Amino acid sequence: MNQYETVFIITPVLSDDQMKEAVKKYEDMLSKAGAEIVHEENWGMRKLAYPIQKKSTGFYQLMEFKSEPDFIEGFQTELKRDERILRFLTVKLDKHAVAYNEKRRTKAAEKAAQAQEA
């Protein structure tokens, strides 16, 4: 099993529920394929660097998961076919990227714990 990271941009015209439904579709797809979701982050609505389909903003979503390499092609095909997805990028993580992501998550968790104590 390899570890992958996918970031996708969802069209901003969707309601909050529709956006969560779109994300849930891909979570379910990963689960059904036997992939293990390691981490997930909703980065919220952000301004795009350039307009895509006449839209200047989009909802960003990050998913980090472990899966078999043959699953990725089908996963990307689904992302391409979905009209709600403006853009996506899937990257295979090497051991250094995995270590960096774990370190980043640990720091974020520590920072959140400190904020709660204050």
C-alpha atoms as a PDB file:
ATOM      1  CA  MET A   1       0.000   0.000   0.000  1.00  0.00           C
ATOM      2  CA  ASN A   2       1.212   3.455  -0.892  1.00  0.00           C
ATOM      3  CA  GLN A   3       0.290   6.711   0.795  1.00  0.00           C
ATOM      4  CA  TYR A   4      -1.330   9.423  -1.323  1.00  0.00           C
ATOM      5  CA  GLU A   5      -2.561  12.957  -0.851  1.00  0.00           C
ATOM      6  CA  THR A   6      -5.371  14.430  -2.929  1.00  0.00           C
ATOM      7  CA  VAL A   7      -6.425  18.058  -2.891  1.00  0.00           C
ATOM      8  CA  PHE A   8      -9.537  18.985  -4.803  1.00  0.00           C
ATOM      9  CA  ILE A   9     -11.453  22.205  -5.358  1.00  0.00           C
ATOM     10  CA  ILE A  10     -15.238  22.074  -5.203  1.00  0.00           C
ATOM     11  CA  THR A  11     -17.355  24.636  -7.042  1.00  0.00           C
ATOM     12  CA  PRO A  12     -18.464  27.544  -4.796  1.00  0.00           C
ATOM     13  CA  VAL A  13     -22.097  27.536  -6.005  1.00  0.00           C
ATOM     14  CA  LEU A  14     -22.943  24.546  -3.785  1.00  0.00           C
ATOM     15  CA  SER A  15     -24.541  24.892  -0.373  1.00  0.00           C
ATOM     16  CA  ASP A  16     -22.640  23.703   2.689  1.00  0.00           C
ATOM     17  CA  ASP A  17     -24.649  20.448   2.751  1.00  0.00           C
ATOM     18  CA  GLN A  18     -24.028  19.779  -0.948  1.00  0.00           C
ATOM     19  CA  MET A  19     -20.307  20.388  -0.452  1.00  0.00           C
ATOM     20  CA  LYS A  20     -20.197  17.939   2.476  1.00  0.00           C
ATOM     21  CA  GLU A  21     -22.148  15.425   0.383  1.00  0.00           C
ATOM     22  CA  ALA A  22     -19.546  15.679  -2.404  1.00  0.00           C
ATOM     23  CA  VAL A  23     -16.722  15.056   0.086  1.00  0.00           C
ATOM     24  CA  LYS A  24     -18.638  12.134   1.639  1.00  0.00           C
ATOM     25  CA  LYS A  25     -18.934  10.533  -1.812  1.00  0.00           C
ATOM     26  CA  TYR A  26     -15.139  10.312  -2.094  1.00  0.00           C
ATOM     27  CA  GLU A  27     -14.713   9.190   1.528  1.00  0.00           C
ATOM     28  CA  ASP A  28     -17.151   6.343   0.830  1.00  0.00           C
ATOM     29  CA  MET A  29     -15.370   5.501  -2.411  1.00  0.00           C
ATOM     30  CA  LEU A  30     -12.068   5.194  -0.533  1.00  0.00           C
ATOM     31  CA  SER A  31     -13.650   3.055   2.190  1.00  0.00           C
ATOM     32  CA  LYS A  32     -15.285   0.682  -0.300  1.00  0.00           C
ATOM     33  CA  ALA A  33     -11.954   0.194  -2.076  1.00  0.00           C
ATOM     34  CA  GLY A  34     -10.282  -0.785   1.196  1.00  0.00           C
ATOM     35  CA  ALA A  35      -8.245   2.408   1.448  1.00  0.00           C
ATOM     36  CA  GLU A  36      -7.385   3.817   4.856  1.00  0.00           C
ATOM     37  CA  ILE A  37      -8.035   7.542   5.303  1.00  0.00           C
ATOM     38  CA  VAL A  38      -5.077   8.854   7.312  1.00  0.00           C
ATOM     39  CA  HIS A  39      -6.066  12.513   7.525  1.00  0.00           C
ATOM     40  CA  GLU A  40      -8.632  14.888   6.138  1.00  0.00           C
ATOM     41  CA  GLU A  41      -8.788  18.682   6.181  1.00  0.00           C
ATOM     42  CA  ASN A  42     -11.356  21.168   4.980  1.00  0.00           C
ATOM     43  CA  TRP A  43      -9.474  24.320   4.030  1.00  0.00           C
ATOM     44  CA  GLY A  44     -12.701  26.242   3.418  1.00  0.00           C
ATOM     45  CA  MET A  45     -13.459  28.674   0.633  1.00  0.00           C
ATOM     46  CA  ARG A  46     -10.419  30.322  -0.908  1.00  0.00           C
ATOM     47  CA  LYS A  47      -9.716  32.625  -3.793  1.00  0.00           C
ATOM     48  CA  LEU A  48      -8.362  30.892  -6.884  1.00  0.00           C
ATOM     49  CA  ALA A  49      -5.149  32.074  -8.536  1.00  0.00           C
ATOM     50  CA  TYR A  50      -7.008  32.324 -11.842  1.00  0.00           C
ATOM     51  CA  PRO A  51     -10.652  31.850 -12.876  1.00  0.00           C
ATOM     52  CA  ILE A  52     -11.787  28.266 -13.538  1.00  0.00           C
ATOM     53  CA  GLN A  53     -15.119  27.880 -15.354  1.00  0.00           C
ATOM     54  CA  LYS A  54     -15.753  31.594 -14.689  1.00  0.00           C
ATOM     55  CA  LYS A  55     -15.426  31.068 -10.926  1.00  0.00           C
ATOM     56  CA  SER A  56     -12.902  32.937  -8.802  1.00  0.00           C
ATOM     57  CA  THR A  57     -13.341  30.994  -5.523  1.00  0.00           C
ATOM     58  CA  GLY A  58     -13.735  27.370  -4.473  1.00  0.00           C
ATOM     59  CA  PHE A  59     -13.941  25.026  -1.488  1.00  0.00           C
ATOM     60  CA  TYR A  60     -10.605  23.291  -0.931  1.00  0.00           C
ATOM     61  CA  GLN A  61     -10.492  19.776   0.530  1.00  0.00           C
ATOM     62  CA  LEU A  62      -7.429  17.669   1.399  1.00  0.00           C
ATOM     63  CA  MET A  63      -7.494  13.886   1.834  1.00  0.00           C
ATOM     64  CA  GLU A  64      -4.476  11.810   2.820  1.00  0.00           C
ATOM     65  CA  PHE A  65      -4.951   8.067   2.456  1.00  0.00           C
ATOM     66  CA  LYS A  66      -3.264   4.692   2.004  1.00  0.00           C
ATOM     67  CA  SER A  67      -4.362   2.612  -0.950  1.00  0.00           C
ATOM     68  CA  GLU A  68      -3.312   0.177  -3.622  1.00  0.00           C
ATOM     69  CA  PRO A  69      -1.811   1.842  -6.732  1.00  0.00           C
ATOM     70  CA  ASP A  70      -4.396   0.362  -9.123  1.00  0.00           C
ATOM     71  CA  PHE A  71      -7.230   2.183  -7.297  1.00  0.00           C
ATOM     72  CA  ILE A  72      -5.848   5.661  -8.048  1.00  0.00           C
ATOM     73  CA  GLU A  73      -6.706   5.662 -11.761  1.00  0.00           C
ATOM     74  CA  GLY A  74     -10.385   4.926 -11.077  1.00  0.00           C
ATOM     75  CA  PHE A  75     -10.458   7.481  -8.261  1.00  0.00           C
ATOM     76  CA  GLN A  76      -9.089  10.195 -10.538  1.00  0.00           C
ATOM     77  CA  THR A  77     -11.541   9.259 -13.287  1.00  0.00           C
ATOM     78  CA  GLU A  78     -14.417   9.791 -10.836  1.00  0.00           C
ATOM     79  CA  LEU A  79     -13.004  13.198  -9.873  1.00  0.00           C
ATOM     80  CA  LYS A  80     -12.753  14.169 -13.562  1.00  0.00           C
ATOM     81  CA  ARG A  81     -16.357  13.159 -14.261  1.00  0.00           C
ATOM     82  CA  ASP A  82     -17.836  15.010 -11.282  1.00  0.00           C
ATOM     83  CA  GLU A  83     -19.117  18.444 -12.361  1.00  0.00           C
ATOM     84  CA  ARG A  84     -18.804  19.703  -8.777  1.00  0.00           C
ATOM     85  CA  ILE A  85     -15.000  19.301  -8.852  1.00  0.00           C
ATOM     86  CA  LEU A  86     -13.177  22.199 -10.537  1.00  0.00           C
ATOM     87  CA  ARG A  87      -9.624  20.841 -10.144  1.00  0.00           C
ATOM     88  CA  PHE A  88      -7.770  18.101  -8.293  1.00  0.00           C
ATOM     89  CA  LEU A  89      -4.242  16.880  -7.728  1.00  0.00           C
ATOM     90  CA  THR A  90      -3.203  13.479  -6.396  1.00  0.00           C
ATOM     91  CA  VAL A  91       0.376  12.955  -5.255  1.00  0.00           C
ATOM     92  CA  LYS A  92       2.114   9.782  -4.074  1.00  0.00           C
ATOM     93  CA  LEU A  93       3.932  10.595  -0.848  1.00  0.00           C
ATOM     94  CA  ASP A  94       7.447   9.343  -0.188  1.00  0.00           C
ATOM     95  CA  LYS A  95       8.714   8.591   3.319  1.00  0.00           C
ATOM     96  CA  HIS A  96       9.933  12.173   3.822  1.00  0.00           C
ATOM     97  CA  ALA A  97       6.567  13.675   2.879  1.00  0.00           C
ATOM     98  CA  VAL A  98       4.757  11.244   5.191  1.00  0.00           C
ATOM     99  CA  ALA A  99       7.070  12.211   8.069  1.00  0.00           C
ATOM    100  CA  TYR A 100       6.586  15.918   7.320  1.00  0.00           C
ATOM    101  CA  ASN A 101       2.774  15.565   7.291  1.00  0.00           C
ATOM    102  CA  GLU A 102       2.798  13.680  10.605  1.00  0.00           C
ATOM    103  CA  LYS A 103       5.032  16.353  12.159  1.00  0.00           C
ATOM    104  CA  ARG A 104       2.756  19.123  10.832  1.00  0.00           C
ATOM    105  CA  ARG A 105      -0.363  17.417  12.250  1.00  0.00           C
ATOM    106  CA  THR A 106       1.326  16.939  15.643  1.00  0.00           C
ATOM    107  CA  LYS A 107       2.277  20.618  15.783  1.00  0.00           C
ATOM    108  CA  ALA A 108      -1.268  21.656  14.853  1.00  0.00           C
ATOM    109  CA  ALA A 109      -2.728  19.396  17.552  1.00  0.00           C
ATOM    110  CA  GLU A 110      -0.341  20.813  20.165  1.00  0.00           C
ATOM    111  CA  LYS A 111      -1.205  24.357  19.129  1.00  0.00           C
ATOM    112  CA  ALA A 112      -4.942  23.603  19.412  1.00  0.00           C
ATOM    113  CA  ALA A 113      -4.435  22.064  22.871  1.00  0.00           C
ATOM    114  CA  GLN A 114      -2.530  25.141  24.045  1.00  0.00           C
ATOM    115  CA  ALA A 115      -5.284  27.414  22.721  1.00  0.00           C
ATOM    116  CA  GLN A 116      -7.901  25.456  24.678  1.00  0.00           C
ATOM    117  CA  GLU A 117      -5.892  25.728  27.907  1.00  0.00           C
ATOM    118  CA  ALA A 118      -5.582  29.509  27.575  1.00  0.00           C
END
